[in-house]
PDB file of all heavy atoms in Angstrom:
ATOM      1  N   LEU A   1      15.605  -6.839  -2.546  1.00  0.00           N
ATOM      2  CA  LEU A   1      15.846  -7.006  -1.090  1.00  0.00           C
ATOM      3  C   LEU A   1      15.721  -5.638  -0.379  1.00  0.00           C
ATOM      4  O   LEU A   1      15.090  -5.580   0.663  1.00  0.00           O
ATOM      5  CB  LEU A   1      17.237  -7.600  -0.864  1.00  0.00           C
ATOM      6  CG  LEU A   1      17.675  -7.827   0.582  1.00  0.00           C
ATOM      7  CD1 LEU A   1      16.701  -8.779   1.283  1.00  0.00           C
ATOM      8  CD2 LEU A   1      19.060  -8.350   0.650  1.00  0.00           C
ATOM      9  N   GLN A   2      16.294  -4.597  -0.988  1.00  0.00           N
ATOM     10  CA  GLN A   2      16.182  -3.279  -0.384  1.00  0.00           C
ATOM     11  C   GLN A   2      14.733  -2.826  -0.328  1.00  0.00           C
ATOM     12  O   GLN A   2      14.286  -2.223   0.656  1.00  0.00           O
ATOM     13  CB  GLN A   2      17.027  -2.253  -1.142  1.00  0.00           C
ATOM     14  CG  GLN A   2      18.519  -2.411  -0.871  1.00  0.00           C
ATOM     15  CD  GLN A   2      19.337  -1.419  -1.708  1.00  0.00           C
ATOM     16  OE1 GLN A   2      18.783  -0.661  -2.504  1.00  0.00           O
ATOM     17  NE2 GLN A   2      20.631  -1.434  -1.480  1.00  0.00           N
ATOM     18  N   ASP A   3      14.042  -3.094  -1.433  1.00  0.00           N
ATOM     19  CA  ASP A   3      12.584  -2.711  -1.475  1.00  0.00           C
ATOM     20  C   ASP A   3      11.798  -3.482  -0.366  1.00  0.00           C
ATOM     21  O   ASP A   3      10.998  -2.902   0.318  1.00  0.00           O
ATOM     22  CB  ASP A   3      11.982  -3.011  -2.833  1.00  0.00           C
ATOM     23  CG  ASP A   3      12.525  -2.073  -3.913  1.00  0.00           C
ATOM     24  OD1 ASP A   3      13.130  -1.049  -3.566  1.00  0.00           O
ATOM     25  OD2 ASP A   3      12.327  -2.388  -5.122  1.00  0.00           O
ATOM     26  N   ALA A   4      12.102  -4.806  -0.281  1.00  0.00           N
ATOM     27  CA  ALA A   4      11.408  -5.608   0.743  1.00  0.00           C
ATOM     28  C   ALA A   4      11.784  -5.124   2.146  1.00  0.00           C
ATOM     29  O   ALA A   4      10.943  -5.066   3.038  1.00  0.00           O
ATOM     30  CB  ALA A   4      11.796  -7.065   0.562  1.00  0.00           C
ATOM     31  N   TRP A   5      13.051  -4.785   2.325  1.00  0.00           N
ATOM     32  CA  TRP A   5      13.508  -4.253   3.598  1.00  0.00           C
ATOM     33  C   TRP A   5      12.801  -2.971   3.939  1.00  0.00           C
ATOM     34  O   TRP A   5      12.380  -2.768   5.061  1.00  0.00           O
ATOM     35  CB  TRP A   5      15.015  -4.059   3.568  1.00  0.00           C
ATOM     36  CG  TRP A   5      15.566  -3.466   4.812  1.00  0.00           C
ATOM     37  CD1 TRP A   5      15.954  -2.174   4.984  1.00  0.00           C
ATOM     38  CD2 TRP A   5      15.727  -4.087   6.093  1.00  0.00           C
ATOM     39  NE1 TRP A   5      16.386  -1.982   6.242  1.00  0.00           N
ATOM     40  CE2 TRP A   5      16.256  -3.141   6.931  1.00  0.00           C
ATOM     41  CE3 TRP A   5      15.523  -5.382   6.547  1.00  0.00           C
ATOM     42  CZ2 TRP A   5      16.548  -3.441   8.282  1.00  0.00           C
ATOM     43  CZ3 TRP A   5      15.825  -5.658   7.856  1.00  0.00           C
ATOM     44  CH2 TRP A   5      16.335  -4.685   8.700  1.00  0.00           C
ATOM     45  N   GLU A   6      12.699  -2.144   2.954  1.00  0.00           N
ATOM     46  CA  GLU A   6      12.009  -0.825   3.189  1.00  0.00           C
ATOM     47  C   GLU A   6      10.542  -1.079   3.516  1.00  0.00           C
ATOM     48  O   GLU A   6      10.004  -0.427   4.395  1.00  0.00           O
ATOM     49  CB  GLU A   6      12.174   0.000   1.910  1.00  0.00           C
ATOM     50  CG  GLU A   6      11.805   1.423   2.041  1.00  0.00           C
ATOM     51  CD  GLU A   6      12.633   2.165   3.080  1.00  0.00           C
ATOM     52  OE1 GLU A   6      13.839   1.925   3.199  1.00  0.00           O
ATOM     53  OE2 GLU A   6      12.033   2.967   3.805  1.00  0.00           O
ATOM     54  N   ARG A   7       9.883  -1.985   2.828  1.00  0.00           N
ATOM     55  CA  ARG A   7       8.494  -2.312   3.124  1.00  0.00           C
ATOM     56  C   ARG A   7       8.299  -2.858   4.516  1.00  0.00           C
ATOM     57  O   ARG A   7       7.414  -2.467   5.271  1.00  0.00           O
ATOM     58  CB  ARG A   7       7.906  -3.303   2.093  1.00  0.00           C
ATOM     59  CG  ARG A   7       7.400  -2.698   0.808  1.00  0.00           C
ATOM     60  CD  ARG A   7       6.624  -3.735   0.008  1.00  0.00           C
ATOM     61  NE  ARG A   7       7.258  -5.042  -0.114  1.00  0.00           N
ATOM     62  CZ  ARG A   7       7.924  -5.493  -1.137  1.00  0.00           C
ATOM     63  NH1 ARG A   7       8.020  -4.711  -2.223  1.00  0.00           N
ATOM     64  NH2 ARG A   7       8.490  -6.648  -1.142  1.00  0.00           N
ATOM     65  N   LEU A   8       9.219  -3.752   4.888  1.00  0.00           N
ATOM     66  CA  LEU A   8       9.174  -4.325   6.200  1.00  0.00           C
ATOM     67  C   LEU A   8       9.409  -3.288   7.278  1.00  0.00           C
ATOM     68  O   LEU A   8       8.778  -3.291   8.356  1.00  0.00           O
ATOM     69  CB  LEU A   8      10.189  -5.449   6.345  1.00  0.00           C
ATOM     70  CG  LEU A   8       9.779  -6.783   5.815  1.00  0.00           C
ATOM     71  CD1 LEU A   8      10.925  -7.754   5.864  1.00  0.00           C
ATOM     72  CD2 LEU A   8       8.618  -7.359   6.619  1.00  0.00           C
ATOM     73  N   ARG A   9      10.316  -2.383   7.037  1.00  0.00           N
ATOM     74  CA  ARG A   9      10.583  -1.344   7.970  1.00  0.00           C
ATOM     75  C   ARG A   9       9.355  -0.448   8.189  1.00  0.00           C
ATOM     76  O   ARG A   9       8.980  -0.125   9.301  1.00  0.00           O
ATOM     77  CB  ARG A   9      11.771  -0.481   7.513  1.00  0.00           C
ATOM     78  CG  ARG A   9      12.315   0.434   8.597  1.00  0.00           C
ATOM     79  CD  ARG A   9      13.497   1.204   8.146  1.00  0.00           C
ATOM     80  NE  ARG A   9      13.300   2.013   6.958  1.00  0.00           N
ATOM     81  CZ  ARG A   9      12.708   3.238   6.961  1.00  0.00           C
ATOM     82  NH1 ARG A   9      12.206   3.739   8.042  1.00  0.00           N
ATOM     83  NH2 ARG A   9      12.578   3.890   5.816  1.00  0.00           N
ATOM     84  N   ARG A  10       8.712  -0.170   7.074  1.00  0.00           N
ATOM     85  CA  ARG A  10       7.488   0.646   7.183  1.00  0.00           C
ATOM     86  C   ARG A  10       6.376  -0.087   7.886  1.00  0.00           C
ATOM     87  O   ARG A  10       5.645   0.460   8.697  1.00  0.00           O
ATOM     88  CB  ARG A  10       6.994   1.074   5.749  1.00  0.00           C
ATOM     89  CG  ARG A  10       7.702   2.292   5.324  1.00  0.00           C
ATOM     90  CD  ARG A  10       7.122   2.785   4.004  1.00  0.00           C
ATOM     91  NE  ARG A  10       8.027   2.423   2.949  1.00  0.00           N
ATOM     92  CZ  ARG A  10       7.758   1.985   1.745  1.00  0.00           C
ATOM     93  NH1 ARG A  10       6.489   1.867   1.398  1.00  0.00           N
ATOM     94  NH2 ARG A  10       8.684   1.672   0.912  1.00  0.00           N
ATOM     95  N   GLN A  11       6.298  -1.387   7.570  1.00  0.00           N
ATOM     96  CA  GLN A  11       5.286  -2.206   8.217  1.00  0.00           C
ATOM     97  C   GLN A  11       5.572  -2.332   9.703  1.00  0.00           C
ATOM     98  O   GLN A  11       4.670  -2.357  10.512  1.00  0.00           O
ATOM     99  CB  GLN A  11       5.226  -3.609   7.602  1.00  0.00           C
ATOM    100  CG  GLN A  11       4.464  -3.673   6.312  1.00  0.00           C
ATOM    101  CD  GLN A  11       4.469  -5.079   5.741  1.00  0.00           C
ATOM    102  OE1 GLN A  11       5.124  -5.957   6.287  1.00  0.00           O
ATOM    103  NE2 GLN A  11       3.735  -5.264   4.672  1.00  0.00           N
ATOM    104  N   SER A  12       6.828  -2.483   9.972  1.00  0.00           N
ATOM    105  CA  SER A  12       7.182  -2.629  11.370  1.00  0.00           C
ATOM    106  C   SER A  12       6.940  -1.357  12.168  1.00  0.00           C
ATOM    107  O   SER A  12       6.558  -1.397  13.305  1.00  0.00           O
ATOM    108  CB  SER A  12       8.620  -3.100  11.490  1.00  0.00           C
ATOM    109  OG  SER A  12       9.456  -2.191  11.978  1.00  0.00           O
ATOM    110  N   GLU A  13       7.086  -0.245  11.559  1.00  0.00           N
ATOM    111  CA  GLU A  13       6.800   1.026  12.220  1.00  0.00           C
ATOM    112  C   GLU A  13       5.281   1.130  12.430  1.00  0.00           C
ATOM    113  O   GLU A  13       4.813   1.649  13.445  1.00  0.00           O
ATOM    114  CB  GLU A  13       7.262   2.206  11.373  1.00  0.00           C
ATOM    115  CG  GLU A  13       8.751   2.382  11.378  1.00  0.00           C
ATOM    116  CD  GLU A  13       9.176   3.517  10.477  1.00  0.00           C
ATOM    117  OE1 GLU A  13       8.313   4.197   9.865  1.00  0.00           O
ATOM    118  OE2 GLU A  13      10.382   3.689  10.351  1.00  0.00           O
ATOM    119  N   THR A  14       4.489   0.679  11.503  1.00  0.00           N
ATOM    120  CA  THR A  14       3.060   0.752  11.615  1.00  0.00           C
ATOM    121  C   THR A  14       2.523  -0.249  12.588  1.00  0.00           C
ATOM    122  O   THR A  14       1.581   0.024  13.334  1.00  0.00           O
ATOM    123  CB  THR A  14       2.363   0.629  10.246  1.00  0.00           C
ATOM    124  OG1 THR A  14       2.743  -0.604   9.712  1.00  0.00           O
ATOM    125  CG2 THR A  14       2.640   1.785   9.396  1.00  0.00           C
ATOM    126  N   SER A  15       3.081  -1.361  12.564  1.00  0.00           N
ATOM    127  CA  SER A  15       2.526  -2.385  13.504  1.00  0.00           C
ATOM    128  C   SER A  15       3.660  -3.138  14.173  1.00  0.00           C
ATOM    129  O   SER A  15       4.117  -4.153  13.677  1.00  0.00           O
ATOM    130  CB  SER A  15       1.604  -3.336  12.767  1.00  0.00           C
ATOM    131  OG  SER A  15       2.294  -4.044  11.793  1.00  0.00           O
ATOM    132  N   ARG A  16       4.079  -2.613  15.256  1.00  0.00           N
ATOM    133  CA  ARG A  16       5.194  -3.237  15.982  1.00  0.00           C
ATOM    134  C   ARG A  16       4.758  -4.479  16.702  1.00  0.00           C
ATOM    135  O   ARG A  16       5.587  -5.342  16.982  1.00  0.00           O
ATOM    136  CB  ARG A  16       5.771  -2.237  16.971  1.00  0.00           C
ATOM    137  CG  ARG A  16       6.482  -1.112  16.292  1.00  0.00           C
ATOM    138  CD  ARG A  16       7.426  -0.458  17.298  1.00  0.00           C
ATOM    139  NE  ARG A  16       8.098   0.613  16.626  1.00  0.00           N
ATOM    140  CZ  ARG A  16       9.331   0.554  16.297  1.00  0.00           C
ATOM    141  NH1 ARG A  16      10.059  -0.445  16.560  1.00  0.00           N
ATOM    142  NH2 ARG A  16       9.875   1.556  15.650  1.00  0.00           N
ATOM    143  N   ASN A  17       3.608  -4.502  17.018  1.00  0.00           N
ATOM    144  CA  ASN A  17       3.145  -5.631  17.807  1.00  0.00           C
ATOM    145  C   ASN A  17       2.800  -6.880  16.937  1.00  0.00           C
ATOM    146  O   ASN A  17       2.540  -7.937  17.497  1.00  0.00           O
ATOM    147  CB  ASN A  17       1.910  -5.232  18.622  1.00  0.00           C
ATOM    148  CG  ASN A  17       2.277  -4.129  19.617  1.00  0.00           C
ATOM    149  OD1 ASN A  17       3.421  -4.029  19.978  1.00  0.00           O
ATOM    150  ND2 ASN A  17       1.270  -3.367  20.039  1.00  0.00           N
ATOM    151  N   ASN A  18       2.784  -6.712  15.718  1.00  0.00           N
ATOM    152  CA  ASN A  18       2.336  -7.784  14.850  1.00  0.00           C
ATOM    153  C   ASN A  18       3.516  -8.765  14.643  1.00  0.00           C
ATOM    154  O   ASN A  18       4.477  -8.481  13.945  1.00  0.00           O
ATOM    155  CB  ASN A  18       1.834  -7.209  13.517  1.00  0.00           C
ATOM    156  CG  ASN A  18       1.131  -8.227  12.713  1.00  0.00           C
ATOM    157  OD1 ASN A  18       1.122  -9.417  13.041  1.00  0.00           O
ATOM    158  ND2 ASN A  18       0.545  -7.768  11.647  1.00  0.00           N
ATOM    159  N   ALA A  19       3.482  -9.962  15.190  1.00  0.00           N
ATOM    160  CA  ALA A  19       4.583 -10.924  15.143  1.00  0.00           C
ATOM    161  C   ALA A  19       4.645 -11.590  13.786  1.00  0.00           C
ATOM    162  O   ALA A  19       5.709 -12.041  13.330  1.00  0.00           O
ATOM    163  CB  ALA A  19       4.350 -11.968  16.220  1.00  0.00           C
ATOM    164  N   SER A  20       3.542 -11.703  13.093  1.00  0.00           N
ATOM    165  CA  SER A  20       3.558 -12.373  11.783  1.00  0.00           C
ATOM    166  C   SER A  20       4.343 -11.544  10.806  1.00  0.00           C
ATOM    167  O   SER A  20       4.913 -12.092   9.868  1.00  0.00           O
ATOM    168  CB  SER A  20       2.120 -12.623  11.332  1.00  0.00           C
ATOM    169  OG  SER A  20       1.475 -11.411  11.033  1.00  0.00           O
ATOM    170  N   SER A  21       4.399 -10.235  10.963  1.00  0.00           N
ATOM    171  CA  SER A  21       5.139  -9.384  10.037  1.00  0.00           C
ATOM    172  C   SER A  21       6.617  -9.679  10.141  1.00  0.00           C
ATOM    173  O   SER A  21       7.332  -9.739   9.121  1.00  0.00           O
ATOM    174  CB  SER A  21       4.899  -7.924  10.341  1.00  0.00           C
ATOM    175  OG  SER A  21       3.602  -7.566  10.110  1.00  0.00           O
ATOM    176  N   CYS A  22       7.100  -9.888  11.326  1.00  0.00           N
ATOM    177  CA  CYS A  22       8.537 -10.193  11.515  1.00  0.00           C
ATOM    178  C   CYS A  22       8.888 -11.516  10.877  1.00  0.00           C
ATOM    179  O   CYS A  22       9.948 -11.649  10.259  1.00  0.00           O
ATOM    180  CB  CYS A  22       8.844 -10.247  13.010  1.00  0.00           C
ATOM    181  SG  CYS A  22       9.109  -8.604  13.693  1.00  0.00           S
ATOM    182  N   SER A  23       8.065 -12.508  11.081  1.00  0.00           N
ATOM    183  CA  SER A  23       8.408 -13.812  10.507  1.00  0.00           C
ATOM    184  C   SER A  23       8.325 -13.748   8.995  1.00  0.00           C
ATOM    185  O   SER A  23       9.145 -14.385   8.302  1.00  0.00           O
ATOM    186  CB  SER A  23       7.444 -14.889  11.032  1.00  0.00           C
ATOM    187  OG  SER A  23       6.116 -14.539  10.890  1.00  0.00           O
ATOM    188  N   SER A  24       7.451 -12.933   8.416  1.00  0.00           N
ATOM    189  CA  SER A  24       7.398 -12.780   6.951  1.00  0.00           C
ATOM    190  C   SER A  24       8.675 -12.092   6.453  1.00  0.00           C
ATOM    191  O   SER A  24       9.249 -12.463   5.442  1.00  0.00           O
ATOM    192  CB  SER A  24       6.195 -11.930   6.528  1.00  0.00           C
ATOM    193  OG  SER A  24       5.014 -12.556   6.894  1.00  0.00           O
ATOM    194  N   PHE A  25       9.066 -11.105   7.228  1.00  0.00           N
ATOM    195  CA  PHE A  25      10.309 -10.361   6.891  1.00  0.00           C
ATOM    196  C   PHE A  25      11.488 -11.303   6.925  1.00  0.00           C
ATOM    197  O   PHE A  25      12.333 -11.310   5.982  1.00  0.00           O
ATOM    198  CB  PHE A  25      10.457  -9.177   7.816  1.00  0.00           C
ATOM    199  CG  PHE A  25      11.791  -8.471   7.597  1.00  0.00           C
ATOM    200  CD1 PHE A  25      12.008  -7.746   6.476  1.00  0.00           C
ATOM    201  CD2 PHE A  25      12.811  -8.571   8.539  1.00  0.00           C
ATOM    202  CE1 PHE A  25      13.211  -7.115   6.285  1.00  0.00           C
ATOM    203  CE2 PHE A  25      14.011  -7.951   8.358  1.00  0.00           C
ATOM    204  CZ  PHE A  25      14.228  -7.212   7.212  1.00  0.00           C
ATOM    205  N   LEU A  26      11.626 -12.087   7.896  1.00  0.00           N
ATOM    206  CA  LEU A  26      12.753 -13.026   8.022  1.00  0.00           C
ATOM    207  C   LEU A  26      12.732 -14.067   6.894  1.00  0.00           C
ATOM    208  O   LEU A  26      13.752 -14.423   6.333  1.00  0.00           O
ATOM    209  CB  LEU A  26      12.733 -13.730   9.380  1.00  0.00           C
ATOM    210  CG  LEU A  26      13.205 -12.888  10.551  1.00  0.00           C
ATOM    211  CD1 LEU A  26      13.005 -13.629  11.858  1.00  0.00           C
ATOM    212  CD2 LEU A  26      14.628 -12.457  10.391  1.00  0.00           C
ATOM    213  N   PHE A  27      11.560 -14.481   6.546  1.00  0.00           N
ATOM    214  CA  PHE A  27      11.402 -15.434   5.464  1.00  0.00           C
ATOM    215  C   PHE A  27      11.908 -14.851   4.152  1.00  0.00           C
ATOM    216  O   PHE A  27      12.636 -15.479   3.383  1.00  0.00           O
ATOM    217  CB  PHE A  27       9.953 -15.934   5.347  1.00  0.00           C
ATOM    218  CG  PHE A  27       9.758 -16.879   4.244  1.00  0.00           C
ATOM    219  CD1 PHE A  27      10.246 -18.203   4.337  1.00  0.00           C
ATOM    220  CD2 PHE A  27       9.122 -16.521   3.062  1.00  0.00           C
ATOM    221  CE1 PHE A  27      10.040 -19.084   3.320  1.00  0.00           C
ATOM    222  CE2 PHE A  27       8.945 -17.413   2.037  1.00  0.00           C
ATOM    223  CZ  PHE A  27       9.406 -18.695   2.142  1.00  0.00           C
ATOM    224  N   VAL A  28      11.518 -13.636   3.842  1.00  0.00           N
ATOM    225  CA  VAL A  28      11.910 -12.944   2.606  1.00  0.00           C
ATOM    226  C   VAL A  28      13.446 -12.720   2.610  1.00  0.00           C
ATOM    227  O   VAL A  28      14.122 -12.955   1.615  1.00  0.00           O
ATOM    228  CB  VAL A  28      11.168 -11.629   2.428  1.00  0.00           C
ATOM    229  CG1 VAL A  28      11.737 -10.814   1.318  1.00  0.00           C
ATOM    230  CG2 VAL A  28       9.681 -11.889   2.206  1.00  0.00           C
ATOM    231  N   VAL A  29      13.997 -12.287   3.720  1.00  0.00           N
ATOM    232  CA  VAL A  29      15.455 -12.057   3.803  1.00  0.00           C
ATOM    233  C   VAL A  29      16.225 -13.338   3.561  1.00  0.00           C
ATOM    234  O   VAL A  29      17.195 -13.398   2.824  1.00  0.00           O
ATOM    235  CB  VAL A  29      15.801 -11.408   5.158  1.00  0.00           C
ATOM    236  CG1 VAL A  29      17.313 -11.379   5.385  1.00  0.00           C
ATOM    237  CG2 VAL A  29      15.248  -9.997   5.262  1.00  0.00           C
ATOM    238  N   ILE A  30      15.812 -14.421   4.231  1.00  0.00           N
ATOM    239  CA  ILE A  30      16.479 -15.670   4.071  1.00  0.00           C
ATOM    240  C   ILE A  30      16.344 -16.198   2.638  1.00  0.00           C
ATOM    241  O   ILE A  30      17.326 -16.682   2.059  1.00  0.00           O
ATOM    242  CB  ILE A  30      15.916 -16.737   5.096  1.00  0.00           C
ATOM    243  CG1 ILE A  30      16.370 -16.296   6.480  1.00  0.00           C
ATOM    244  CG2 ILE A  30      16.390 -18.147   4.758  1.00  0.00           C
ATOM    245  CD1 ILE A  30      15.697 -17.135   7.568  1.00  0.00           C
ATOM    246  N   ALA A  31      15.196 -16.044   2.011  1.00  0.00           N
ATOM    247  CA  ALA A  31      15.008 -16.490   0.623  1.00  0.00           C
ATOM    248  C   ALA A  31      15.904 -15.736  -0.301  1.00  0.00           C
ATOM    249  O   ALA A  31      16.544 -16.294  -1.202  1.00  0.00           O
ATOM    250  CB  ALA A  31      13.555 -16.343   0.254  1.00  0.00           C
ATOM    251  N   VAL A  32      16.011 -14.421  -0.139  1.00  0.00           N
ATOM    252  CA  VAL A  32      16.877 -13.608  -0.983  1.00  0.00           C
ATOM    253  C   VAL A  32      18.328 -13.964  -0.800  1.00  0.00           C
ATOM    254  O   VAL A  32      19.101 -14.063  -1.775  1.00  0.00           O
ATOM    255  CB  VAL A  32      16.634 -12.109  -0.719  1.00  0.00           C
ATOM    256  CG1 VAL A  32      17.648 -11.236  -1.396  1.00  0.00           C
ATOM    257  CG2 VAL A  32      15.231 -11.736  -1.219  1.00  0.00           C
ATOM    258  N   LEU A  33      18.717 -14.204   0.425  1.00  0.00           N
ATOM    259  CA  LEU A  33      20.137 -14.594   0.679  1.00  0.00           C
ATOM    260  C   LEU A  33      20.478 -15.914   0.068  1.00  0.00           C
ATOM    261  O   LEU A  33      21.533 -16.134  -0.492  1.00  0.00           O
ATOM    262  CB  LEU A  33      20.416 -14.607   2.187  1.00  0.00           C
ATOM    263  CG  LEU A  33      20.467 -13.229   2.873  1.00  0.00           C
ATOM    264  CD1 LEU A  33      20.649 -13.387   4.370  1.00  0.00           C
ATOM    265  CD2 LEU A  33      21.599 -12.396   2.299  1.00  0.00           C
ATOM    266  N   VAL A  34      19.559 -16.884   0.148  1.00  0.00           N
ATOM    267  CA  VAL A  34      19.784 -18.238  -0.414  1.00  0.00           C
ATOM    268  C   VAL A  34      19.886 -18.102  -1.953  1.00  0.00           C
ATOM    269  O   VAL A  34      20.764 -18.700  -2.589  1.00  0.00           O
ATOM    270  CB  VAL A  34      18.656 -19.225   0.013  1.00  0.00           C
ATOM    271  CG1 VAL A  34      18.715 -20.480  -0.828  1.00  0.00           C
ATOM    272  CG2 VAL A  34      18.776 -19.488   1.456  1.00  0.00           C
ATOM    273  N   VAL A  35      19.026 -17.342  -2.568  1.00  0.00           N
ATOM    274  CA  VAL A  35      19.026 -17.209  -4.034  1.00  0.00           C
ATOM    275  C   VAL A  35      20.314 -16.483  -4.477  1.00  0.00           C
ATOM    276  O   VAL A  35      20.962 -16.917  -5.430  1.00  0.00           O
ATOM    277  CB  VAL A  35      17.781 -16.404  -4.505  1.00  0.00           C
ATOM    278  CG1 VAL A  35      17.935 -16.031  -5.972  1.00  0.00           C
ATOM    279  CG2 VAL A  35      16.533 -17.254  -4.302  1.00  0.00           C
ATOM    280  N   SER A  36      20.725 -15.459  -3.750  1.00  0.00           N
ATOM    281  CA  SER A  36      21.954 -14.759  -4.151  1.00  0.00           C
ATOM    282  C   SER A  36      23.190 -15.656  -3.991  1.00  0.00           C
ATOM    283  O   SER A  36      24.146 -15.588  -4.732  1.00  0.00           O
ATOM    284  CB  SER A  36      22.112 -13.428  -3.400  1.00  0.00           C
ATOM    285  OG  SER A  36      22.351 -13.713  -2.013  1.00  0.00           O
ATOM    286  N   ALA A  37      23.159 -16.515  -2.946  1.00  0.00           N
ATOM    287  CA  ALA A  37      24.324 -17.412  -2.715  1.00  0.00           C
ATOM    288  C   ALA A  37      24.332 -18.449  -3.853  1.00  0.00           C
ATOM    289  O   ALA A  37      25.454 -18.870  -4.276  1.00  0.00           O
ATOM    290  CB  ALA A  37      24.158 -18.094  -1.369  1.00  0.00           C
ATOM    291  N   LEU A  38      23.209 -18.914  -4.302  1.00  0.00           N
ATOM    292  CA  LEU A  38      23.189 -19.901  -5.373  1.00  0.00           C
ATOM    293  C   LEU A  38      23.657 -19.299  -6.709  1.00  0.00           C
ATOM    294  O   LEU A  38      24.260 -20.002  -7.516  1.00  0.00           O
ATOM    295  CB  LEU A  38      21.768 -20.436  -5.535  1.00  0.00           C
ATOM    296  CG  LEU A  38      21.259 -21.364  -4.408  1.00  0.00           C
ATOM    297  CD1 LEU A  38      19.816 -21.768  -4.678  1.00  0.00           C
ATOM    298  CD2 LEU A  38      22.143 -22.620  -4.336  1.00  0.00           C
TER     299      LEU A  38
END
């Protein structure tokens, strides 16, 4: 999750305007949270 967060942060810095990156990031965060809750 930290690695994915770091990647997303870097991607977000490189392309702030890219909306698909944010939705990918949210999908990964939600998936990790669901798995850790299970």
